[in-house]
PDB file of N, CA and C in Angstrom:
ATOM      1  N   MET A   1     -24.411  -3.980  39.152  1.00  0.00           N
ATOM      2  CA  MET A   1     -25.507  -3.183  39.639  1.00  0.00           C
ATOM      3  C   MET A   1     -25.760  -1.995  38.718  1.00  0.00           C
ATOM      4  N   TRP A   2     -24.718  -1.278  38.336  1.00  0.00           N
ATOM      5  CA  TRP A   2     -24.899  -0.106  37.481  1.00  0.00           C
ATOM      6  C   TRP A   2     -25.476  -0.512  36.136  1.00  0.00           C
ATOM      7  N   LEU A   3     -25.115  -1.715  35.662  1.00  0.00           N
ATOM      8  CA  LEU A   3     -25.616  -2.169  34.368  1.00  0.00           C
ATOM      9  C   LEU A   3     -27.124  -2.398  34.427  1.00  0.00           C
ATOM     10  N   MET A   4     -27.607  -3.039  35.493  1.00  0.00           N
ATOM     11  CA  MET A   4     -29.044  -3.261  35.634  1.00  0.00           C
ATOM     12  C   MET A   4     -29.783  -1.919  35.739  1.00  0.00           C
ATOM     13  N   ASN A   5     -29.210  -0.972  36.464  1.00  0.00           N
ATOM     14  CA  ASN A   5     -29.828   0.357  36.555  1.00  0.00           C
ATOM     15  C   ASN A   5     -29.880   1.024  35.188  1.00  0.00           C
ATOM     16  N   TYR A   6     -28.799   0.904  34.422  1.00  0.00           N
ATOM     17  CA  TYR A   6     -28.739   1.487  33.083  1.00  0.00           C
ATOM     18  C   TYR A   6     -29.795   0.850  32.175  1.00  0.00           C
ATOM     19  N   ILE A   7     -29.865  -0.488  32.219  1.00  0.00           N
ATOM     20  CA  ILE A   7     -30.842  -1.199  31.373  1.00  0.00           C
ATOM     21  C   ILE A   7     -32.254  -0.756  31.726  1.00  0.00           C
ATOM     22  N   THR A   8     -32.565  -0.742  33.015  1.00  0.00           N
ATOM     23  CA  THR A   8     -33.907  -0.348  33.454  1.00  0.00           C
ATOM     24  C   THR A   8     -34.212   1.099  33.068  1.00  0.00           C
ATOM     25  N   LYS A   9     -33.253   1.970  33.311  1.00  0.00           N
ATOM     26  CA  LYS A   9     -33.430   3.394  33.045  1.00  0.00           C
ATOM     27  C   LYS A   9     -33.604   3.681  31.561  1.00  0.00           C
ATOM     28  N   ASN A  10     -32.916   2.946  30.706  1.00  0.00           N
ATOM     29  CA  ASN A  10     -32.954   3.211  29.276  1.00  0.00           C
ATOM     30  C   ASN A  10     -33.861   2.257  28.505  1.00  0.00           C
ATOM     31  N   SER A  11     -34.674   1.497  29.231  1.00  0.00           N
ATOM     32  CA  SER A  11     -35.659   0.594  28.621  1.00  0.00           C
ATOM     33  C   SER A  11     -35.042  -0.354  27.593  1.00  0.00           C
ATOM     34  N   ILE A  12     -33.864  -0.837  27.873  1.00  0.00           N
ATOM     35  CA  ILE A  12     -33.239  -1.830  26.999  1.00  0.00           C
ATOM     36  C   ILE A  12     -33.663  -3.203  27.501  1.00  0.00           C
ATOM     37  N   THR A  13     -34.106  -4.049  26.594  1.00  0.00           N
ATOM     38  CA  THR A  13     -34.483  -5.394  26.990  1.00  0.00           C
ATOM     39  C   THR A  13     -33.232  -6.234  27.186  1.00  0.00           C
ATOM     40  N   ALA A  14     -33.077  -6.773  28.382  1.00  0.00           N
ATOM     41  CA  ALA A  14     -31.915  -7.605  28.685  1.00  0.00           C
ATOM     42  C   ALA A  14     -32.019  -8.931  27.927  1.00  0.00           C
ATOM     43  N   PRO A  15     -30.890  -9.453  27.443  1.00  0.00           N
ATOM     44  CA  PRO A  15     -30.933 -10.742  26.749  1.00  0.00           C
ATOM     45  C   PRO A  15     -31.329 -11.847  27.716  1.00  0.00           C
ATOM     46  N   LYS A  16     -32.009 -12.856  27.204  1.00  0.00           N
ATOM     47  CA  LYS A  16     -32.464 -13.952  28.046  1.00  0.00           C
ATOM     48  C   LYS A  16     -31.673 -15.211  27.715  1.00  0.00           C
ATOM     49  N   ALA A  17     -31.109 -15.813  28.734  1.00  0.00           N
ATOM     50  CA  ALA A  17     -30.375 -17.060  28.573  1.00  0.00           C
ATOM     51  C   ALA A  17     -31.377 -18.190  28.354  1.00  0.00           C
ATOM     52  N   GLU A  18     -30.957 -19.212  27.598  1.00  0.00           N
ATOM     53  CA  GLU A  18     -31.789 -20.376  27.336  1.00  0.00           C
ATOM     54  C   GLU A  18     -31.025 -21.628  27.707  1.00  0.00           C
ATOM     55  N   ARG A  19     -31.765 -22.644  28.106  1.00  0.00           N
ATOM     56  CA  ARG A  19     -31.180 -23.937  28.421  1.00  0.00           C
ATOM     57  C   ARG A  19     -31.527 -24.918  27.307  1.00  0.00           C
ATOM     58  N   GLY A  20     -30.562 -25.757  26.939  1.00  0.00           N
ATOM     59  CA  GLY A  20     -30.819 -26.748  25.902  1.00  0.00           C
ATOM     60  C   GLY A  20     -29.788 -27.852  25.944  1.00  0.00           C
ATOM     61  N   GLY A  21     -30.017 -28.876  25.147  1.00  0.00           N
ATOM     62  CA  GLY A  21     -29.126 -30.025  25.111  1.00  0.00           C
ATOM     63  C   GLY A  21     -27.991 -29.822  24.119  1.00  0.00           C
ATOM     64  N   VAL A  22     -26.791 -30.247  24.503  1.00  0.00           N
ATOM     65  CA  VAL A  22     -25.630 -30.157  23.630  1.00  0.00           C
ATOM     66  C   VAL A  22     -25.753 -31.227  22.549  1.00  0.00           C
ATOM     67  N   LYS A  23     -25.761 -30.800  21.269  1.00  0.00           N
ATOM     68  CA  LYS A  23     -25.884 -31.723  20.130  1.00  0.00           C
ATOM     69  C   LYS A  23     -24.533 -32.124  19.568  1.00  0.00           C
ATOM     70  N   SER A  24     -23.584 -31.190  19.547  1.00  0.00           N
ATOM     71  CA  SER A  24     -22.239 -31.491  19.068  1.00  0.00           C
ATOM     72  C   SER A  24     -21.262 -30.659  19.861  1.00  0.00           C
ATOM     73  N   SER A  25     -20.025 -31.150  19.924  1.00  0.00           N
ATOM     74  CA  SER A  25     -19.052 -30.496  20.773  1.00  0.00           C
ATOM     75  C   SER A  25     -17.666 -30.565  20.161  1.00  0.00           C
ATOM     76  N   GLY A  26     -16.802 -29.691  20.590  1.00  0.00           N
ATOM     77  CA  GLY A  26     -15.425 -29.587  20.124  1.00  0.00           C
ATOM     78  C   GLY A  26     -14.918 -28.230  20.558  1.00  0.00           C
ATOM     79  N   ASN A  27     -14.277 -27.487  19.656  1.00  0.00           N
ATOM     80  CA  ASN A  27     -13.852 -26.123  19.991  1.00  0.00           C
ATOM     81  C   ASN A  27     -15.045 -25.193  20.165  1.00  0.00           C
ATOM     82  N   THR A  28     -16.157 -25.541  19.534  1.00  0.00           N
ATOM     83  CA  THR A  28     -17.425 -24.839  19.726  1.00  0.00           C
ATOM     84  C   THR A  28     -18.499 -25.901  19.959  1.00  0.00           C
ATOM     85  N   VAL A  29     -19.682 -25.481  20.399  1.00  0.00           N
ATOM     86  CA  VAL A  29     -20.773 -26.425  20.640  1.00  0.00           C
ATOM     87  C   VAL A  29     -22.004 -26.025  19.856  1.00  0.00           C
ATOM     88  N   SER A  30     -22.875 -26.991  19.642  1.00  0.00           N
ATOM     89  CA  SER A  30     -24.210 -26.740  19.098  1.00  0.00           C
ATOM     90  C   SER A  30     -25.201 -27.149  20.178  1.00  0.00           C
ATOM     91  N   VAL A  31     -26.177 -26.270  20.431  1.00  0.00           N
ATOM     92  CA  VAL A  31     -27.141 -26.502  21.498  1.00  0.00           C
ATOM     93  C   VAL A  31     -28.544 -26.361  20.934  1.00  0.00           C
ATOM     94  N   ASP A  32     -29.412 -27.316  21.255  1.00  0.00           N
ATOM     95  CA  ASP A  32     -30.822 -27.279  20.872  1.00  0.00           C
ATOM     96  C   ASP A  32     -31.638 -26.740  22.039  1.00  0.00           C
ATOM     97  N   SER A  33     -32.298 -25.606  21.841  1.00  0.00           N
ATOM     98  CA  SER A  33     -33.211 -25.070  22.856  1.00  0.00           C
ATOM     99  C   SER A  33     -34.474 -24.655  22.119  1.00  0.00           C
ATOM    100  N   SER A  34     -34.886 -23.398  22.196  1.00  0.00           N
ATOM    101  CA  SER A  34     -36.048 -22.950  21.424  1.00  0.00           C
ATOM    102  C   SER A  34     -35.717 -22.967  19.932  1.00  0.00           C
ATOM    103  N   GLU A  35     -34.421 -22.941  19.625  1.00  0.00           N
ATOM    104  CA  GLU A  35     -33.916 -23.085  18.256  1.00  0.00           C
ATOM    105  C   GLU A  35     -32.538 -23.722  18.355  1.00  0.00           C
ATOM    106  N   GLU A  36     -31.961 -24.101  17.220  1.00  0.00           N
ATOM    107  CA  GLU A  36     -30.616 -24.678  17.252  1.00  0.00           C
ATOM    108  C   GLU A  36     -29.582 -23.557  17.192  1.00  0.00           C
ATOM    109  N   HIS A  37     -28.687 -23.558  18.147  1.00  0.00           N
ATOM    110  CA  HIS A  37     -27.594 -22.585  18.216  1.00  0.00           C
ATOM    111  C   HIS A  37     -26.325 -23.328  17.810  1.00  0.00           C
ATOM    112  N   ARG A  38     -25.664 -22.881  16.738  1.00  0.00           N
ATOM    113  CA  ARG A  38     -24.482 -23.583  16.215  1.00  0.00           C
ATOM    114  C   ARG A  38     -23.217 -22.750  16.379  1.00  0.00           C
ATOM    115  N   GLY A  39     -22.098 -23.446  16.512  1.00  0.00           N
ATOM    116  CA  GLY A  39     -20.794 -22.802  16.537  1.00  0.00           C
ATOM    117  C   GLY A  39     -20.595 -21.844  17.691  1.00  0.00           C
ATOM    118  N   ILE A  40     -21.119 -22.189  18.852  1.00  0.00           N
ATOM    119  CA  ILE A  40     -21.053 -21.313  20.011  1.00  0.00           C
ATOM    120  C   ILE A  40     -19.745 -21.538  20.768  1.00  0.00           C
ATOM    121  N   LYS A  41     -19.085 -20.458  21.126  1.00  0.00           N
ATOM    122  CA  LYS A  41     -17.897 -20.528  21.984  1.00  0.00           C
ATOM    123  C   LYS A  41     -18.355 -20.733  23.424  1.00  0.00           C
ATOM    124  N   CYS A  42     -17.521 -21.406  24.207  1.00  0.00           N
ATOM    125  CA  CYS A  42     -17.843 -21.659  25.613  1.00  0.00           C
ATOM    126  C   CYS A  42     -17.076 -20.722  26.531  1.00  0.00           C
ATOM    127  N   CYS A  43     -17.752 -20.234  27.556  1.00  0.00           N
ATOM    128  CA  CYS A  43     -17.127 -19.400  28.591  1.00  0.00           C
ATOM    129  C   CYS A  43     -16.646 -20.313  29.712  1.00  0.00           C
ATOM    130  N   VAL A  44     -15.387 -20.179  30.084  1.00  0.00           N
ATOM    131  CA  VAL A  44     -14.840 -20.915  31.224  1.00  0.00           C
ATOM    132  C   VAL A  44     -13.911 -19.980  31.985  1.00  0.00           C
ATOM    133  N   PRO A  45     -13.687 -20.248  33.271  1.00  0.00           N
ATOM    134  CA  PRO A  45     -12.738 -19.409  34.007  1.00  0.00           C
ATOM    135  C   PRO A  45     -11.348 -19.504  33.386  1.00  0.00           C
ATOM    136  N   TYR A  46     -10.558 -18.445  33.529  1.00  0.00           N
ATOM    137  CA  TYR A  46      -9.202 -18.423  32.989  1.00  0.00           C
ATOM    138  C   TYR A  46      -8.413 -19.626  33.494  1.00  0.00           C
ATOM    139  N   GLY A  47      -7.691 -20.259  32.588  1.00  0.00           N
ATOM    140  CA  GLY A  47      -6.844 -21.393  32.951  1.00  0.00           C
ATOM    141  C   GLY A  47      -7.538 -22.740  32.847  1.00  0.00           C
ATOM    142  N   PHE A  48      -8.843 -22.748  32.599  1.00  0.00           N
ATOM    143  CA  PHE A  48      -9.583 -23.994  32.454  1.00  0.00           C
ATOM    144  C   PHE A  48      -9.876 -24.247  30.991  1.00  0.00           C
ATOM    145  N   ALA A  49      -9.962 -25.501  30.630  1.00  0.00           N
ATOM    146  CA  ALA A  49     -10.383 -25.886  29.287  1.00  0.00           C
ATOM    147  C   ALA A  49     -11.131 -27.204  29.397  1.00  0.00           C
ATOM    148  N   SER A  50     -12.146 -27.369  28.582  1.00  0.00           N
ATOM    149  CA  SER A  50     -12.874 -28.634  28.552  1.00  0.00           C
ATOM    150  C   SER A  50     -13.639 -28.734  27.239  1.00  0.00           C
ATOM    151  N   VAL A  51     -13.995 -29.944  26.899  1.00  0.00           N
ATOM    152  CA  VAL A  51     -14.868 -30.205  25.758  1.00  0.00           C
ATOM    153  C   VAL A  51     -16.149 -30.776  26.352  1.00  0.00           C
ATOM    154  N   VAL A  52     -17.243 -30.058  26.168  1.00  0.00           N
ATOM    155  CA  VAL A  52     -18.519 -30.441  26.769  1.00  0.00           C
ATOM    156  C   VAL A  52     -19.039 -31.726  26.129  1.00  0.00           C
ATOM    157  N   PRO A  53     -19.407 -32.738  26.934  1.00  0.00           N
ATOM    158  CA  PRO A  53     -19.966 -33.965  26.365  1.00  0.00           C
ATOM    159  C   PRO A  53     -21.333 -33.731  25.722  1.00  0.00           C
ATOM    160  N   VAL A  54     -21.580 -34.382  24.612  1.00  0.00           N
ATOM    161  CA  VAL A  54     -22.887 -34.341  23.953  1.00  0.00           C
ATOM    162  C   VAL A  54     -23.917 -34.896  24.928  1.00  0.00           C
ATOM    163  N   GLY A  55     -25.077 -34.266  24.972  1.00  0.00           N
ATOM    164  CA  GLY A  55     -26.157 -34.712  25.842  1.00  0.00           C
ATOM    165  C   GLY A  55     -26.269 -33.917  27.135  1.00  0.00           C
ATOM    166  N   GLU A  56     -25.223 -33.169  27.506  1.00  0.00           N
ATOM    167  CA  GLU A  56     -25.297 -32.339  28.712  1.00  0.00           C
ATOM    168  C   GLU A  56     -26.285 -31.194  28.481  1.00  0.00           C
ATOM    169  N   SER A  57     -26.759 -30.624  29.564  1.00  0.00           N
ATOM    170  CA  SER A  57     -27.682 -29.497  29.492  1.00  0.00           C
ATOM    171  C   SER A  57     -26.880 -28.206  29.640  1.00  0.00           C
ATOM    172  N   ALA A  58     -26.831 -27.414  28.561  1.00  0.00           N
ATOM    173  CA  ALA A  58     -26.018 -26.190  28.528  1.00  0.00           C
ATOM    174  C   ALA A  58     -26.898 -24.949  28.600  1.00  0.00           C
ATOM    175  N   VAL A  59     -26.270 -23.836  28.998  1.00  0.00           N
ATOM    176  CA  VAL A  59     -26.960 -22.545  29.056  1.00  0.00           C
ATOM    177  C   VAL A  59     -26.336 -21.634  28.005  1.00  0.00           C
ATOM    178  N   VAL A  60     -27.181 -21.077  27.126  1.00  0.00           N
ATOM    179  CA  VAL A  60     -26.733 -20.218  26.028  1.00  0.00           C
ATOM    180  C   VAL A  60     -27.247 -18.799  26.273  1.00  0.00           C
ATOM    181  N   LEU A  61     -26.349 -17.831  26.104  1.00  0.00           N
ATOM    182  CA  LEU A  61     -26.718 -16.430  26.274  1.00  0.00           C
ATOM    183  C   LEU A  61     -26.499 -15.691  24.964  1.00  0.00           C
ATOM    184  N   PRO A  62     -27.564 -15.117  24.378  1.00  0.00           N
ATOM    185  CA  PRO A  62     -27.383 -14.326  23.159  1.00  0.00           C
ATOM    186  C   PRO A  62     -26.724 -12.986  23.485  1.00  0.00           C
ATOM    187  N   LEU A  63     -25.789 -12.577  22.642  1.00  0.00           N
ATOM    188  CA  LEU A  63     -25.119 -11.288  22.778  1.00  0.00           C
ATOM    189  C   LEU A  63     -25.306 -10.504  21.490  1.00  0.00           C
ATOM    190  N   ALA A  64     -24.948  -9.254  21.488  1.00  0.00           N
ATOM    191  CA  ALA A  64     -25.112  -8.406  20.310  1.00  0.00           C
ATOM    192  C   ALA A  64     -24.335  -8.937  19.110  1.00  0.00           C
ATOM    193  N   ASN A  65     -23.175  -9.541  19.344  1.00  0.00           N
ATOM    194  CA  ASN A  65     -22.343 -10.008  18.230  1.00  0.00           C
ATOM    195  C   ASN A  65     -22.246 -11.529  18.166  1.00  0.00           C
ATOM    196  N   GLY A  66     -23.251 -12.234  18.644  1.00  0.00           N
ATOM    197  CA  GLY A  66     -23.254 -13.698  18.595  1.00  0.00           C
ATOM    198  C   GLY A  66     -23.811 -14.276  19.882  1.00  0.00           C
ATOM    199  N   GLU A  67     -23.437 -15.503  20.155  1.00  0.00           N
ATOM    200  CA  GLU A  67     -23.919 -16.193  21.345  1.00  0.00           C
ATOM    201  C   GLU A  67     -22.727 -16.800  22.069  1.00  0.00           C
ATOM    202  N   VAL A  68     -22.934 -17.119  23.340  1.00  0.00           N
ATOM    203  CA  VAL A  68     -21.898 -17.766  24.130  1.00  0.00           C
ATOM    204  C   VAL A  68     -22.570 -18.796  25.032  1.00  0.00           C
ATOM    205  N   SER A  69     -21.895 -19.923  25.238  1.00  0.00           N
ATOM    206  CA  SER A  69     -22.382 -20.906  26.196  1.00  0.00           C
ATOM    207  C   SER A  69     -21.768 -20.575  27.541  1.00  0.00           C
ATOM    208  N   LEU A  70     -22.616 -20.389  28.538  1.00  0.00           N
ATOM    209  CA  LEU A  70     -22.143 -20.065  29.876  1.00  0.00           C
ATOM    210  C   LEU A  70     -21.662 -21.305  30.617  1.00  0.00           C
ATOM    211  N   GLY A  71     -21.918 -22.471  30.068  1.00  0.00           N
ATOM    212  CA  GLY A  71     -21.501 -23.724  30.698  1.00  0.00           C
ATOM    213  C   GLY A  71     -22.651 -24.701  30.762  1.00  0.00           C
ATOM    214  N   VAL A  72     -22.436 -25.781  31.495  1.00  0.00           N
ATOM    215  CA  VAL A  72     -23.465 -26.803  31.662  1.00  0.00           C
ATOM    216  C   VAL A  72     -23.996 -26.755  33.086  1.00  0.00           C
ATOM    217  N   LEU A  73     -25.199 -27.268  33.281  1.00  0.00           N
ATOM    218  CA  LEU A  73     -25.792 -27.299  34.610  1.00  0.00           C
ATOM    219  C   LEU A  73     -25.057 -28.326  35.466  1.00  0.00           C
ATOM    220  N   ALA A  74     -24.731 -27.945  36.684  1.00  0.00           N
ATOM    221  CA  ALA A  74     -23.978 -28.813  37.597  1.00  0.00           C
ATOM    222  C   ALA A  74     -24.819 -30.013  38.021  1.00  0.00           C
ATOM    223  N   LYS A  75     -24.138 -31.121  38.203  1.00  0.00           N
ATOM    224  CA  LYS A  75     -24.783 -32.324  38.712  1.00  0.00           C
ATOM    225  C   LYS A  75     -24.743 -32.283  40.239  1.00  0.00           C
ATOM    226  N   ASN A  76     -25.660 -32.988  40.887  1.00  0.00           N
ATOM    227  CA  ASN A  76     -25.662 -33.053  42.345  1.00  0.00           C
ATOM    228  C   ASN A  76     -24.501 -33.922  42.804  1.00  0.00           C
ATOM    229  N   VAL A  77     -23.623 -33.354  43.597  1.00  0.00           N
ATOM    230  CA  VAL A  77     -22.515 -34.093  44.196  1.00  0.00           C
ATOM    231  C   VAL A  77     -22.489 -33.774  45.682  1.00  0.00           C
ATOM    232  N   GLU A  78     -21.908 -34.678  46.457  1.00  0.00           N
ATOM    233  CA  GLU A  78     -21.860 -34.479  47.900  1.00  0.00           C
ATOM    234  C   GLU A  78     -20.610 -33.703  48.280  1.00  0.00           C
ATOM    235  N   LEU A  79     -20.765 -32.394  48.351  1.00  0.00           N
ATOM    236  CA  LEU A  79     -19.701 -31.490  48.775  1.00  0.00           C
ATOM    237  C   LEU A  79     -20.237 -30.602  49.878  1.00  0.00           C
ATOM    238  N   ASP A  80     -19.357 -30.226  50.786  1.00  0.00           N
ATOM    239  CA  ASP A  80     -19.738 -29.240  51.791  1.00  0.00           C
ATOM    240  C   ASP A  80     -19.569 -27.856  51.186  1.00  0.00           C
ATOM    241  N   GLU A  81     -20.264 -26.883  51.758  1.00  0.00           N
ATOM    242  CA  GLU A  81     -20.152 -25.507  51.297  1.00  0.00           C
ATOM    243  C   GLU A  81     -18.683 -25.094  51.284  1.00  0.00           C
ATOM    244  N   GLY A  82     -18.237 -24.525  50.156  1.00  0.00           N
ATOM    245  CA  GLY A  82     -16.856 -24.063  50.032  1.00  0.00           C
ATOM    246  C   GLY A  82     -15.896 -25.079  49.430  1.00  0.00           C
ATOM    247  N   GLU A  83     -16.324 -26.325  49.246  1.00  0.00           N
ATOM    248  CA  GLU A  83     -15.454 -27.337  48.646  1.00  0.00           C
ATOM    249  C   GLU A  83     -15.566 -27.289  47.128  1.00  0.00           C
ATOM    250  N   VAL A  84     -14.534 -27.775  46.453  1.00  0.00           N
ATOM    251  CA  VAL A  84     -14.464 -27.717  44.998  1.00  0.00           C
ATOM    252  C   VAL A  84     -14.167 -29.106  44.451  1.00  0.00           C
ATOM    253  N   MET A  85     -14.834 -29.463  43.340  1.00  0.00           N
ATOM    254  CA  MET A  85     -14.597 -30.745  42.677  1.00  0.00           C
ATOM    255  C   MET A  85     -14.370 -30.517  41.194  1.00  0.00           C
ATOM    256  N   LEU A  86     -13.340 -31.151  40.676  1.00  0.00           N
ATOM    257  CA  LEU A  86     -13.037 -31.159  39.253  1.00  0.00           C
ATOM    258  C   LEU A  86     -13.197 -32.599  38.803  1.00  0.00           C
ATOM    259  N   SER A  87     -14.016 -32.845  37.787  1.00  0.00           N
ATOM    260  CA  SER A  87     -14.251 -34.229  37.374  1.00  0.00           C
ATOM    261  C   SER A  87     -14.315 -34.352  35.859  1.00  0.00           C
ATOM    262  N   SER A  88     -14.078 -35.576  35.384  1.00  0.00           N
ATOM    263  CA  SER A  88     -14.145 -35.859  33.950  1.00  0.00           C
ATOM    264  C   SER A  88     -15.334 -36.759  33.660  1.00  0.00           C
ATOM    265  N   LYS A  89     -15.692 -36.871  32.395  1.00  0.00           N
ATOM    266  CA  LYS A  89     -16.793 -37.735  31.981  1.00  0.00           C
ATOM    267  C   LYS A  89     -16.513 -39.191  32.350  1.00  0.00           C
ATOM    268  N   GLY A  90     -15.235 -39.583  32.329  1.00  0.00           N
ATOM    269  CA  GLY A  90     -14.853 -40.959  32.642  1.00  0.00           C
ATOM    270  C   GLY A  90     -14.868 -41.313  34.111  1.00  0.00           C
ATOM    271  N   GLY A  91     -15.045 -40.309  34.988  1.00  0.00           N
ATOM    272  CA  GLY A  91     -15.157 -40.590  36.410  1.00  0.00           C
ATOM    273  C   GLY A  91     -13.965 -40.167  37.249  1.00  0.00           C
ATOM    274  N   ALA A  92     -12.876 -39.707  36.644  1.00  0.00           N
ATOM    275  CA  ALA A  92     -11.742 -39.212  37.421  1.00  0.00           C
ATOM    276  C   ALA A  92     -12.154 -37.931  38.141  1.00  0.00           C
ATOM    277  N   SER A  93     -11.635 -37.735  39.365  1.00  0.00           N
ATOM    278  CA  SER A  93     -12.001 -36.530  40.106  1.00  0.00           C
ATOM    279  C   SER A  93     -10.892 -36.066  41.034  1.00  0.00           C
ATOM    280  N   ILE A  94     -10.901 -34.767  41.280  1.00  0.00           N
ATOM    281  CA  ILE A  94     -10.043 -34.132  42.275  1.00  0.00           C
ATOM    282  C   ILE A  94     -10.969 -33.279  43.144  1.00  0.00           C
ATOM    283  N   VAL A  95     -10.886 -33.481  44.468  1.00  0.00           N
ATOM    284  CA  VAL A  95     -11.733 -32.724  45.383  1.00  0.00           C
ATOM    285  C   VAL A  95     -10.838 -31.961  46.352  1.00  0.00           C
ATOM    286  N   LEU A  96     -11.079 -30.649  46.478  1.00  0.00           N
ATOM    287  CA  LEU A  96     -10.395 -29.822  47.459  1.00  0.00           C
ATOM    288  C   LEU A  96     -11.324 -29.694  48.661  1.00  0.00           C
ATOM    289  N   LYS A  97     -10.937 -30.306  49.770  1.00  0.00           N
ATOM    290  CA  LYS A  97     -11.766 -30.340  50.970  1.00  0.00           C
ATOM    291  C   LYS A  97     -11.495 -29.120  51.848  1.00  0.00           C
ATOM    292  N   ASN A  98     -12.453 -28.737  52.651  1.00  0.00           N
ATOM    293  CA  ASN A  98     -12.325 -27.587  53.541  1.00  0.00           C
ATOM    294  C   ASN A  98     -11.248 -27.782  54.604  1.00  0.00           C
ATOM    295  N   ASP A  99     -10.955 -29.027  54.963  1.00  0.00           N
ATOM    296  CA  ASP A  99      -9.955 -29.277  56.008  1.00  0.00           C
ATOM    297  C   ASP A  99      -8.529 -29.318  55.456  1.00  0.00           C
ATOM    298  N   GLY A 100      -8.368 -29.000  54.163  1.00  0.00           N
ATOM    299  CA  GLY A 100      -7.039 -28.961  53.557  1.00  0.00           C
ATOM    300  C   GLY A 100      -6.658 -30.223  52.806  1.00  0.00           C
ATOM    301  N   ARG A 101      -7.442 -31.278  52.954  1.00  0.00           N
ATOM    302  CA  ARG A 101      -7.131 -32.507  52.217  1.00  0.00           C
ATOM    303  C   ARG A 101      -7.450 -32.328  50.741  1.00  0.00           C
ATOM    304  N   VAL A 102      -6.725 -33.081  49.915  1.00  0.00           N
ATOM    305  CA  VAL A 102      -6.994 -33.170  48.481  1.00  0.00           C
ATOM    306  C   VAL A 102      -7.274 -34.623  48.191  1.00  0.00           C
ATOM    307  N   LEU A 103      -8.420 -34.900  47.593  1.00  0.00           N
ATOM    308  CA  LEU A 103      -8.775 -36.267  47.227  1.00  0.00           C
ATOM    309  C   LEU A 103      -8.646 -36.422  45.716  1.00  0.00           C
ATOM    310  N   ILE A 104      -7.879 -37.400  45.295  1.00  0.00           N
ATOM    311  CA  ILE A 104      -7.775 -37.732  43.881  1.00  0.00           C
ATOM    312  C   ILE A 104      -8.385 -39.104  43.711  1.00  0.00           C
ATOM    313  N   ASN A 105      -9.456 -39.162  42.945  1.00  0.00           N
ATOM    314  CA  ASN A 105     -10.237 -40.387  42.755  1.00  0.00           C
ATOM    315  C   ASN A 105     -10.610 -41.020  44.100  1.00  0.00           C
ATOM    316  N   GLY A 106     -10.937 -40.166  45.090  1.00  0.00           N
ATOM    317  CA  GLY A 106     -11.381 -40.627  46.389  1.00  0.00           C
ATOM    318  C   GLY A 106     -10.289 -40.895  47.404  1.00  0.00           C
ATOM    319  N   LYS A 107      -9.031 -40.875  46.983  1.00  0.00           N
ATOM    320  CA  LYS A 107      -7.921 -41.158  47.903  1.00  0.00           C
ATOM    321  C   LYS A 107      -7.235 -39.868  48.304  1.00  0.00           C
ATOM    322  N   ALA A 108      -6.961 -39.730  49.618  1.00  0.00           N
ATOM    323  CA  ALA A 108      -6.304 -38.536  50.132  1.00  0.00           C
ATOM    324  C   ALA A 108      -4.858 -38.492  49.690  1.00  0.00           C
ATOM    325  N   VAL A 109      -4.415 -37.312  49.261  1.00  0.00           N
ATOM    326  CA  VAL A 109      -3.024 -37.125  48.825  1.00  0.00           C
ATOM    327  C   VAL A 109      -2.336 -36.174  49.789  1.00  0.00           C
TER     328      VAL A 109
END
């Protein structure tokens, strides 16, 4: 909140995130949007790691000292509010259900 007030008060133009397709992936990604963004680091929550599949739709945020990918747009999955799903490109999944169950590839553990 204070940051938005500061930006507004000091007439600083906030950076605008862009959406584009992932062209290459690895430790960094290349994303095509209004221009090609190369060698971008990906932001993920602490303790997570992934390599974004080529063809996914990613969000890129320009910063003063470079750019960062905020991640990819989520796919529609059937989850109830508050549930969490971790999945791979190959189809493996882990779902944390609200009732305490854990589903691994659809089977309760």
